[in-house]
Amino acid sequence: MNFKDLKTSDMRLAMLRSIADDGYSLNESMLQSVLELYGHMVTRDRVRTEMRWLEEQGLVVIEDVSGVLVANLTGRGIEVASGRAWIDGVKRPRPKG
C-alpha cells in the first residue's frame, strides 16, 4: 500500500467512526471539520467523493438535504467502524487497550 492509499483508508475510517460517534448521521460540513481535526486537510468536493465511495460499499446511505449531503451509517458501516468487519479501502481500527 502506498502513502496515498494509506491516507485515504485512514480518512475513510475517521469518517465512519465520527459518524458512529455522533449518533449515526453527519453532514458533509461536519465531516470536513472532523477530518481536519484528524489532520486530513481536504476540500468539500473530496469529502463528497469519499462519502459516495462509502455509499457504494454499503457503509452509509446518503441523503441530499437542500443541497447538503448527509451520511447515515448502515449496520455494515457500524461493523467496519468498530473493527468487527473490514473492507479493502478502509483502514482497520487498532484494538482498544
PDB file of N, CA and C in Angstrom:
ATOM      1  N   MET A   1       0.844  -1.171   0.000  1.00  0.00           N
ATOM      2  CA  MET A   1       0.000   0.000   0.000  1.00  0.00           C
ATOM      3  C   MET A   1       0.894   1.241   0.000  1.00  0.00           C
ATOM      4  N   ASN A   2       0.605   2.158  -0.902  1.00  0.00           N
ATOM      5  CA  ASN A   2       1.389   3.389  -0.946  1.00  0.00           C
ATOM      6  C   ASN A   2       0.817   4.436   0.019  1.00  0.00           C
ATOM      7  N   PHE A   3       1.527   5.544   0.178  1.00  0.00           N
ATOM      8  CA  PHE A   3       1.135   6.569   1.133  1.00  0.00           C
ATOM      9  C   PHE A   3      -0.242   7.146   0.822  1.00  0.00           C
ATOM     10  N   LYS A   4      -0.527   7.387  -0.442  1.00  0.00           N
ATOM     11  CA  LYS A   4      -1.822   7.958  -0.833  1.00  0.00           C
ATOM     12  C   LYS A   4      -2.961   7.026  -0.424  1.00  0.00           C
ATOM     13  N   ASP A   5      -2.800   5.728  -0.678  1.00  0.00           N
ATOM     14  CA  ASP A   5      -3.839   4.760  -0.312  1.00  0.00           C
ATOM     15  C   ASP A   5      -3.998   4.667   1.204  1.00  0.00           C
ATOM     16  N   LEU A   6      -2.883   4.720   1.921  1.00  0.00           N
ATOM     17  CA  LEU A   6      -2.933   4.676   3.384  1.00  0.00           C
ATOM     18  C   LEU A   6      -3.675   5.886   3.935  1.00  0.00           C
ATOM     19  N   LYS A   7      -3.386   7.039   3.385  1.00  0.00           N
ATOM     20  CA  LYS A   7      -4.041   8.276   3.823  1.00  0.00           C
ATOM     21  C   LYS A   7      -5.548   8.223   3.539  1.00  0.00           C
ATOM     22  N   THR A   8      -5.910   7.730   2.369  1.00  0.00           N
ATOM     23  CA  THR A   8      -7.327   7.627   2.005  1.00  0.00           C
ATOM     24  C   THR A   8      -8.053   6.636   2.908  1.00  0.00           C
ATOM     25  N   SER A   9      -7.440   5.493   3.173  1.00  0.00           N
ATOM     26  CA  SER A   9      -8.094   4.489   4.025  1.00  0.00           C
ATOM     27  C   SER A   9      -8.250   5.009   5.458  1.00  0.00           C
ATOM     28  N   ASP A  10      -7.278   5.776   5.941  1.00  0.00           N
ATOM     29  CA  ASP A  10      -7.375   6.376   7.268  1.00  0.00           C
ATOM     30  C   ASP A  10      -8.490   7.419   7.315  1.00  0.00           C
ATOM     31  N   MET A  11      -8.608   8.199   6.262  1.00  0.00           N
ATOM     32  CA  MET A  11      -9.644   9.215   6.183  1.00  0.00           C
ATOM     33  C   MET A  11     -11.030   8.560   6.201  1.00  0.00           C
ATOM     34  N   ARG A  12     -11.200   7.472   5.484  1.00  0.00           N
ATOM     35  CA  ARG A  12     -12.490   6.788   5.452  1.00  0.00           C
ATOM     36  C   ARG A  12     -12.844   6.216   6.820  1.00  0.00           C
ATOM     37  N   LEU A  13     -11.866   5.657   7.510  1.00  0.00           N
ATOM     38  CA  LEU A  13     -12.116   5.148   8.853  1.00  0.00           C
ATOM     39  C   LEU A  13     -12.512   6.291   9.788  1.00  0.00           C
ATOM     40  N   ALA A  14     -11.804   7.412   9.701  1.00  0.00           N
ATOM     41  CA  ALA A  14     -12.136   8.569  10.538  1.00  0.00           C
ATOM     42  C   ALA A  14     -13.563   9.042  10.269  1.00  0.00           C
ATOM     43  N   MET A  15     -13.973   9.017   9.027  1.00  0.00           N
ATOM     44  CA  MET A  15     -15.337   9.416   8.685  1.00  0.00           C
ATOM     45  C   MET A  15     -16.344   8.464   9.318  1.00  0.00           C
ATOM     46  N   LEU A  16     -16.135   7.170   9.156  1.00  0.00           N
ATOM     47  CA  LEU A  16     -17.072   6.192   9.705  1.00  0.00           C
ATOM     48  C   LEU A  16     -17.158   6.281  11.223  1.00  0.00           C
ATOM     49  N   ARG A  17     -16.017   6.386  11.879  1.00  0.00           N
ATOM     50  CA  ARG A  17     -16.014   6.458  13.344  1.00  0.00           C
ATOM     51  C   ARG A  17     -16.681   7.738  13.834  1.00  0.00           C
ATOM     52  N   SER A  18     -16.459   8.824  13.124  1.00  0.00           N
ATOM     53  CA  SER A  18     -17.076  10.098  13.512  1.00  0.00           C
ATOM     54  C   SER A  18     -18.587  10.044  13.354  1.00  0.00           C
ATOM     55  N   ILE A  19     -19.041   9.437  12.283  1.00  0.00           N
ATOM     56  CA  ILE A  19     -20.487   9.291  12.076  1.00  0.00           C
ATOM     57  C   ILE A  19     -21.074   8.421  13.190  1.00  0.00           C
ATOM     58  N   ALA A  20     -20.391   7.339  13.523  1.00  0.00           N
ATOM     59  CA  ALA A  20     -20.863   6.451  14.589  1.00  0.00           C
ATOM     60  C   ALA A  20     -20.899   7.172  15.927  1.00  0.00           C
ATOM     61  N   ASP A  21     -19.889   7.963  16.213  1.00  0.00           N
ATOM     62  CA  ASP A  21     -19.796   8.663  17.498  1.00  0.00           C
ATOM     63  C   ASP A  21     -20.839   9.768  17.645  1.00  0.00           C
ATOM     64  N   ASP A  22     -21.362  10.250  16.538  1.00  0.00           N
ATOM     65  CA  ASP A  22     -22.290  11.382  16.588  1.00  0.00           C
ATOM     66  C   ASP A  22     -23.737  10.958  16.351  1.00  0.00           C
ATOM     67  N   GLY A  23     -24.072   9.745  16.690  1.00  0.00           N
ATOM     68  CA  GLY A  23     -25.465   9.333  16.558  1.00  0.00           C
ATOM     69  C   GLY A  23     -25.834   8.787  15.198  1.00  0.00           C
ATOM     70  N   TYR A  24     -24.834   8.317  14.442  1.00  0.00           N
ATOM     71  CA  TYR A  24     -25.026   7.610  13.166  1.00  0.00           C
ATOM     72  C   TYR A  24     -25.402   8.489  11.984  1.00  0.00           C
ATOM     73  N   SER A  25     -25.220   9.809  12.101  1.00  0.00           N
ATOM     74  CA  SER A  25     -25.537  10.694  10.987  1.00  0.00           C
ATOM     75  C   SER A  25     -24.701  11.970  11.087  1.00  0.00           C
ATOM     76  N   LEU A  26     -24.056  12.349   9.982  1.00  0.00           N
ATOM     77  CA  LEU A  26     -23.292  13.604   9.926  1.00  0.00           C
ATOM     78  C   LEU A  26     -23.371  14.187   8.523  1.00  0.00           C
ATOM     79  N   ASN A  27     -23.369  15.513   8.440  1.00  0.00           N
ATOM     80  CA  ASN A  27     -23.383  16.143   7.120  1.00  0.00           C
ATOM     81  C   ASN A  27     -21.957  16.396   6.632  1.00  0.00           C
ATOM     82  N   GLU A  28     -21.847  16.754   5.379  1.00  0.00           N
ATOM     83  CA  GLU A  28     -20.546  16.931   4.739  1.00  0.00           C
ATOM     84  C   GLU A  28     -19.700  18.022   5.388  1.00  0.00           C
ATOM     85  N   SER A  29     -20.338  19.076   5.874  1.00  0.00           N
ATOM     86  CA  SER A  29     -19.608  20.158   6.516  1.00  0.00           C
ATOM     87  C   SER A  29     -18.958  19.678   7.817  1.00  0.00           C
ATOM     88  N   MET A  30     -19.720  18.959   8.627  1.00  0.00           N
ATOM     89  CA  MET A  30     -19.182  18.424   9.881  1.00  0.00           C
ATOM     90  C   MET A  30     -18.083  17.400   9.602  1.00  0.00           C
ATOM     91  N   LEU A  31     -18.271  16.563   8.588  1.00  0.00           N
ATOM     92  CA  LEU A  31     -17.236  15.584   8.243  1.00  0.00           C
ATOM     93  C   LEU A  31     -15.942  16.278   7.832  1.00  0.00           C
ATOM     94  N   GLN A  32     -16.043  17.352   7.074  1.00  0.00           N
ATOM     95  CA  GLN A  32     -14.847  18.078   6.674  1.00  0.00           C
ATOM     96  C   GLN A  32     -14.135  18.649   7.904  1.00  0.00           C
ATOM     97  N   SER A  33     -14.885  19.195   8.835  1.00  0.00           N
ATOM     98  CA  SER A  33     -14.295  19.741  10.063  1.00  0.00           C
ATOM     99  C   SER A  33     -13.640  18.659  10.906  1.00  0.00           C
ATOM    100  N   VAL A  34     -14.305  17.519  11.030  1.00  0.00           N
ATOM    101  CA  VAL A  34     -13.756  16.401  11.804  1.00  0.00           C
ATOM    102  C   VAL A  34     -12.471  15.891  11.153  1.00  0.00           C
ATOM    103  N   LEU A  35     -12.472  15.766   9.844  1.00  0.00           N
ATOM    104  CA  LEU A  35     -11.269  15.289   9.146  1.00  0.00           C
ATOM    105  C   LEU A  35     -10.102  16.242   9.383  1.00  0.00           C
ATOM    106  N   GLU A  36     -10.354  17.533   9.425  1.00  0.00           N
ATOM    107  CA  GLU A  36      -9.296  18.493   9.716  1.00  0.00           C
ATOM    108  C   GLU A  36      -8.712  18.260  11.109  1.00  0.00           C
ATOM    109  N   LEU A  37      -9.569  17.909  12.072  1.00  0.00           N
ATOM    110  CA  LEU A  37      -9.085  17.605  13.426  1.00  0.00           C
ATOM    111  C   LEU A  37      -8.131  16.412  13.427  1.00  0.00           C
ATOM    112  N   TYR A  38      -8.364  15.479  12.509  1.00  0.00           N
ATOM    113  CA  TYR A  38      -7.518  14.294  12.386  1.00  0.00           C
ATOM    114  C   TYR A  38      -6.349  14.494  11.424  1.00  0.00           C
ATOM    115  N   GLY A  39      -6.146  15.731  10.976  1.00  0.00           N
ATOM    116  CA  GLY A  39      -5.001  16.037  10.122  1.00  0.00           C
ATOM    117  C   GLY A  39      -5.213  15.844   8.636  1.00  0.00           C
ATOM    118  N   HIS A  40      -6.447  15.652   8.222  1.00  0.00           N
ATOM    119  CA  HIS A  40      -6.759  15.488   6.805  1.00  0.00           C
ATOM    120  C   HIS A  40      -7.342  16.795   6.274  1.00  0.00           C
ATOM    121  N   MET A  41      -6.507  17.584   5.634  1.00  0.00           N
ATOM    122  CA  MET A  41      -6.947  18.854   5.072  1.00  0.00           C
ATOM    123  C   MET A  41      -7.450  18.588   3.657  1.00  0.00           C
ATOM    124  N   VAL A  42      -8.770  18.449   3.521  1.00  0.00           N
ATOM    125  CA  VAL A  42      -9.362  18.088   2.238  1.00  0.00           C
ATOM    126  C   VAL A  42     -10.455  19.075   1.857  1.00  0.00           C
ATOM    127  N   THR A  43     -10.733  19.135   0.574  1.00  0.00           N
ATOM    128  CA  THR A  43     -11.781  20.016   0.067  1.00  0.00           C
ATOM    129  C   THR A  43     -13.154  19.379   0.305  1.00  0.00           C
ATOM    130  N   ARG A  44     -14.182  20.196   0.210  1.00  0.00           N
ATOM    131  CA  ARG A  44     -15.545  19.693   0.342  1.00  0.00           C
ATOM    132  C   ARG A  44     -15.840  18.690  -0.770  1.00  0.00           C
ATOM    133  N   ASP A  45     -15.314  18.948  -1.961  1.00  0.00           N
ATOM    134  CA  ASP A  45     -15.507  18.017  -3.069  1.00  0.00           C
ATOM    135  C   ASP A  45     -14.920  16.649  -2.738  1.00  0.00           C
ATOM    136  N   ARG A  46     -13.755  16.621  -2.104  1.00  0.00           N
ATOM    137  CA  ARG A  46     -13.131  15.342  -1.726  1.00  0.00           C
ATOM    138  C   ARG A  46     -13.973  14.627  -0.672  1.00  0.00           C
ATOM    139  N   VAL A  47     -14.519  15.383   0.274  1.00  0.00           N
ATOM    140  CA  VAL A  47     -15.393  14.782   1.289  1.00  0.00           C
ATOM    141  C   VAL A  47     -16.599  14.139   0.610  1.00  0.00           C
ATOM    142  N   ARG A  48     -17.201  14.851  -0.333  1.00  0.00           N
ATOM    143  CA  ARG A  48     -18.355  14.299  -1.056  1.00  0.00           C
ATOM    144  C   ARG A  48     -17.972  13.041  -1.836  1.00  0.00           C
ATOM    145  N   THR A  49     -16.804  13.048  -2.461  1.00  0.00           N
ATOM    146  CA  THR A  49     -16.339  11.881  -3.209  1.00  0.00           C
ATOM    147  C   THR A  49     -16.191  10.681  -2.287  1.00  0.00           C
ATOM    148  N   GLU A  50     -15.595  10.888  -1.122  1.00  0.00           N
ATOM    149  CA  GLU A  50     -15.406   9.779  -0.177  1.00  0.00           C
ATOM    150  C   GLU A  50     -16.738   9.327   0.421  1.00  0.00           C
ATOM    151  N   MET A  51     -17.661  10.260   0.632  1.00  0.00           N
ATOM    152  CA  MET A  51     -18.991   9.878   1.105  1.00  0.00           C
ATOM    153  C   MET A  51     -19.670   8.969   0.085  1.00  0.00           C
ATOM    154  N   ARG A  52     -19.560   9.315  -1.185  1.00  0.00           N
ATOM    155  CA  ARG A  52     -20.176   8.491  -2.238  1.00  0.00           C
ATOM    156  C   ARG A  52     -19.500   7.127  -2.325  1.00  0.00           C
ATOM    157  N   TRP A  53     -18.168   7.067  -2.119  1.00  0.00           N
ATOM    158  CA  TRP A  53     -17.455   5.787  -2.128  1.00  0.00           C
ATOM    159  C   TRP A  53     -17.965   4.913  -0.980  1.00  0.00           C
ATOM    160  N   LEU A  54     -18.104   5.509   0.201  1.00  0.00           N
ATOM    161  CA  LEU A  54     -18.626   4.756   1.347  1.00  0.00           C
ATOM    162  C   LEU A  54     -20.036   4.250   1.064  1.00  0.00           C
ATOM    163  N   GLU A  55     -20.815   5.051   0.360  1.00  0.00           N
ATOM    164  CA  GLU A  55     -22.166   4.628  -0.008  1.00  0.00           C
ATOM    165  C   GLU A  55     -22.126   3.449  -0.983  1.00  0.00           C
ATOM    166  N   GLU A  56     -21.236   3.507  -1.969  1.00  0.00           N
ATOM    167  CA  GLU A  56     -21.109   2.407  -2.934  1.00  0.00           C
ATOM    168  C   GLU A  56     -20.741   1.092  -2.250  1.00  0.00           C
ATOM    169  N   GLN A  57     -20.023   1.180  -1.137  1.00  0.00           N
ATOM    170  CA  GLN A  57     -19.610  -0.014  -0.400  1.00  0.00           C
ATOM    171  C   GLN A  57     -20.696  -0.488   0.563  1.00  0.00           C
ATOM    172  N   GLY A  58     -21.786   0.245   0.668  1.00  0.00           N
ATOM    173  CA  GLY A  58     -22.878  -0.123   1.555  1.00  0.00           C
ATOM    174  C   GLY A  58     -22.637   0.234   3.012  1.00  0.00           C
ATOM    175  N   LEU A  59     -21.723   1.176   3.255  1.00  0.00           N
ATOM    176  CA  LEU A  59     -21.382   1.550   4.626  1.00  0.00           C
ATOM    177  C   LEU A  59     -22.186   2.741   5.135  1.00  0.00           C
ATOM    178  N   VAL A  60     -22.665   3.564   4.227  1.00  0.00           N
ATOM    179  CA  VAL A  60     -23.533   4.685   4.565  1.00  0.00           C
ATOM    180  C   VAL A  60     -24.633   4.792   3.512  1.00  0.00           C
ATOM    181  N   VAL A  61     -25.688   5.486   3.891  1.00  0.00           N
ATOM    182  CA  VAL A  61     -26.736   5.886   2.955  1.00  0.00           C
ATOM    183  C   VAL A  61     -26.702   7.403   2.952  1.00  0.00           C
ATOM    184  N   ILE A  62     -26.650   7.977   1.747  1.00  0.00           N
ATOM    185  CA  ILE A  62     -26.554   9.433   1.604  1.00  0.00           C
ATOM    186  C   ILE A  62     -27.923  10.003   1.274  1.00  0.00           C
ATOM    187  N   GLU A  63     -28.254  11.099   1.941  1.00  0.00           N
ATOM    188  CA  GLU A  63     -29.438  11.849   1.543  1.00  0.00           C
ATOM    189  C   GLU A  63     -29.024  13.291   1.272  1.00  0.00           C
ATOM    190  N   ASP A  64     -29.673  13.883   0.312  1.00  0.00           N
ATOM    191  CA  ASP A  64     -29.417  15.276  -0.051  1.00  0.00           C
ATOM    192  C   ASP A  64     -30.476  16.128   0.633  1.00  0.00           C
ATOM    193  N   VAL A  65     -30.044  16.979   1.549  1.00  0.00           N
ATOM    194  CA  VAL A  65     -30.959  17.855   2.268  1.00  0.00           C
ATOM    195  C   VAL A  65     -30.668  19.289   1.844  1.00  0.00           C
ATOM    196  N   SER A  66     -31.473  19.785   0.946  1.00  0.00           N
ATOM    197  CA  SER A  66     -31.314  21.147   0.424  1.00  0.00           C
ATOM    198  C   SER A  66     -29.914  21.404  -0.108  1.00  0.00           C
ATOM    199  N   GLY A  67     -29.351  20.419  -0.818  1.00  0.00           N
ATOM    200  CA  GLY A  67     -28.036  20.569  -1.431  1.00  0.00           C
ATOM    201  C   GLY A  67     -26.867  20.183  -0.544  1.00  0.00           C
ATOM    202  N   VAL A  68     -27.137  19.784   0.693  1.00  0.00           N
ATOM    203  CA  VAL A  68     -26.092  19.343   1.607  1.00  0.00           C
ATOM    204  C   VAL A  68     -26.219  17.831   1.771  1.00  0.00           C
ATOM    205  N   LEU A  69     -25.096  17.126   1.572  1.00  0.00           N
ATOM    206  CA  LEU A  69     -25.124  15.675   1.725  1.00  0.00           C
ATOM    207  C   LEU A  69     -25.031  15.287   3.191  1.00  0.00           C
ATOM    208  N   VAL A  70     -25.871  14.341   3.578  1.00  0.00           N
ATOM    209  CA  VAL A  70     -25.879  13.814   4.942  1.00  0.00           C
ATOM    210  C   VAL A  70     -25.640  12.312   4.849  1.00  0.00           C
ATOM    211  N   ALA A  71     -24.634  11.823   5.582  1.00  0.00           N
ATOM    212  CA  ALA A  71     -24.302  10.398   5.602  1.00  0.00           C
ATOM    213  C   ALA A  71     -24.939   9.752   6.823  1.00  0.00           C
ATOM    214  N   ASN A  72     -25.682   8.673   6.573  1.00  0.00           N
ATOM    215  CA  ASN A  72     -26.301   7.898   7.631  1.00  0.00           C
ATOM    216  C   ASN A  72     -25.657   6.519   7.634  1.00  0.00           C
ATOM    217  N   LEU A  73     -25.099   6.132   8.754  1.00  0.00           N
ATOM    218  CA  LEU A  73     -24.376   4.872   8.871  1.00  0.00           C
ATOM    219  C   LEU A  73     -25.321   3.682   8.749  1.00  0.00           C
ATOM    220  N   THR A  74     -24.874   2.655   8.039  1.00  0.00           N
ATOM    221  CA  THR A  74     -25.622   1.407   7.942  1.00  0.00           C
ATOM    222  C   THR A  74     -25.102   0.428   9.000  1.00  0.00           C
ATOM    223  N   GLY A  75     -25.781  -0.689   9.146  1.00  0.00           N
ATOM    224  CA  GLY A  75     -25.300  -1.722  10.058  1.00  0.00           C
ATOM    225  C   GLY A  75     -23.912  -2.187   9.682  1.00  0.00           C
ATOM    226  N   ARG A  76     -23.676  -2.363   8.402  1.00  0.00           N
ATOM    227  CA  ARG A  76     -22.344  -2.767   7.927  1.00  0.00           C
ATOM    228  C   ARG A  76     -21.313  -1.683   8.243  1.00  0.00           C
ATOM    229  N   GLY A  77     -21.698  -0.429   8.093  1.00  0.00           N
ATOM    230  CA  GLY A  77     -20.796   0.674   8.415  1.00  0.00           C
ATOM    231  C   GLY A  77     -20.396   0.682   9.876  1.00  0.00           C
ATOM    232  N   ILE A  78     -21.345   0.361  10.755  1.00  0.00           N
ATOM    233  CA  ILE A  78     -21.045   0.276  12.185  1.00  0.00           C
ATOM    234  C   ILE A  78     -20.028  -0.837  12.441  1.00  0.00           C
ATOM    235  N   GLU A  79     -20.209  -1.972  11.783  1.00  0.00           N
ATOM    236  CA  GLU A  79     -19.289  -3.098  11.957  1.00  0.00           C
ATOM    237  C   GLU A  79     -17.879  -2.747  11.501  1.00  0.00           C
ATOM    238  N   VAL A  80     -17.760  -2.043  10.384  1.00  0.00           N
ATOM    239  CA  VAL A  80     -16.445  -1.653   9.870  1.00  0.00           C
ATOM    240  C   VAL A  80     -15.819  -0.595  10.782  1.00  0.00           C
ATOM    241  N   ALA A  81     -16.603   0.371  11.226  1.00  0.00           N
ATOM    242  CA  ALA A  81     -16.086   1.430  12.107  1.00  0.00           C
ATOM    243  C   ALA A  81     -15.559   0.862  13.422  1.00  0.00           C
ATOM    244  N   SER A  82     -16.185  -0.196  13.902  1.00  0.00           N
ATOM    245  CA  SER A  82     -15.787  -0.781  15.179  1.00  0.00           C
ATOM    246  C   SER A  82     -14.716  -1.861  15.045  1.00  0.00           C
ATOM    247  N   GLY A  83     -14.419  -2.269  13.817  1.00  0.00           N
ATOM    248  CA  GLY A  83     -13.399  -3.291  13.607  1.00  0.00           C
ATOM    249  C   GLY A  83     -13.925  -4.709  13.612  1.00  0.00           C
ATOM    250  N   ARG A  84     -15.247  -4.883  13.711  1.00  0.00           N
ATOM    251  CA  ARG A  84     -15.828  -6.227  13.674  1.00  0.00           C
ATOM    252  C   ARG A  84     -15.872  -6.794  12.260  1.00  0.00           C
ATOM    253  N   ALA A  85     -15.803  -5.919  11.281  1.00  0.00           N
ATOM    254  CA  ALA A  85     -15.733  -6.330   9.871  1.00  0.00           C
ATOM    255  C   ALA A  85     -14.735  -5.408   9.198  1.00  0.00           C
ATOM    256  N   TRP A  86     -14.227  -5.825   8.075  1.00  0.00           N
ATOM    257  CA  TRP A  86     -13.309  -4.954   7.356  1.00  0.00           C
ATOM    258  C   TRP A  86     -13.568  -5.038   5.866  1.00  0.00           C
ATOM    259  N   ILE A  87     -13.085  -4.003   5.201  1.00  0.00           N
ATOM    260  CA  ILE A  87     -13.283  -3.878   3.763  1.00  0.00           C
ATOM    261  C   ILE A  87     -12.046  -3.209   3.181  1.00  0.00           C
ATOM    262  N   ASP A  88     -11.600  -3.685   2.037  1.00  0.00           N
ATOM    263  CA  ASP A  88     -10.463  -3.053   1.363  1.00  0.00           C
ATOM    264  C   ASP A  88     -10.799  -1.594   1.091  1.00  0.00           C
ATOM    265  N   GLY A  89      -9.861  -0.729   1.428  1.00  0.00           N
ATOM    266  CA  GLY A  89     -10.056   0.696   1.200  1.00  0.00           C
ATOM    267  C   GLY A  89     -10.395   1.468   2.459  1.00  0.00           C
ATOM    268  N   VAL A  90     -10.651   0.741   3.574  1.00  0.00           N
ATOM    269  CA  VAL A  90     -10.899   1.388   4.860  1.00  0.00           C
ATOM    270  C   VAL A  90      -9.913   0.797   5.856  1.00  0.00           C
ATOM    271  N   LYS A  91      -9.163   1.660   6.498  1.00  0.00           N
ATOM    272  CA  LYS A  91      -8.184   1.213   7.481  1.00  0.00           C
ATOM    273  C   LYS A  91      -8.867   0.497   8.639  1.00  0.00           C
ATOM    274  N   ARG A  92      -8.273  -0.570   9.111  1.00  0.00           N
ATOM    275  CA  ARG A  92      -8.822  -1.266  10.270  1.00  0.00           C
ATOM    276  C   ARG A  92      -8.425  -0.524  11.535  1.00  0.00           C
ATOM    277  N   PRO A  93      -9.370  -0.336  12.441  1.00  0.00           N
ATOM    278  CA  PRO A  93      -9.010   0.337  13.693  1.00  0.00           C
ATOM    279  C   PRO A  93      -8.123  -0.554  14.549  1.00  0.00           C
ATOM    280  N   ARG A  94      -7.305   0.084  15.370  1.00  0.00           N
ATOM    281  CA  ARG A  94      -6.471  -0.661  16.305  1.00  0.00           C
ATOM    282  C   ARG A  94      -7.330  -1.211  17.421  1.00  0.00           C
ATOM    283  N   PRO A  95      -6.948  -2.340  17.978  1.00  0.00           N
ATOM    284  CA  PRO A  95      -7.699  -2.852  19.129  1.00  0.00           C
ATOM    285  C   PRO A  95      -7.595  -1.882  20.303  1.00  0.00           C
ATOM    286  N   LYS A  96      -8.634  -1.823  21.089  1.00  0.00           N
ATOM    287  CA  LYS A  96      -8.620  -0.938  22.266  1.00  0.00           C
ATOM    288  C   LYS A  96      -7.743  -1.557  23.342  1.00  0.00           C
ATOM    289  N   GLY A  97      -7.098  -0.691  24.088  1.00  0.00           N
ATOM    290  CA  GLY A  97      -6.294  -1.176  25.204  1.00  0.00           C
ATOM    291  C   GLY A  97      -4.837  -0.933  25.058  1.00  0.00           C
TER     292      GLY A  97
END
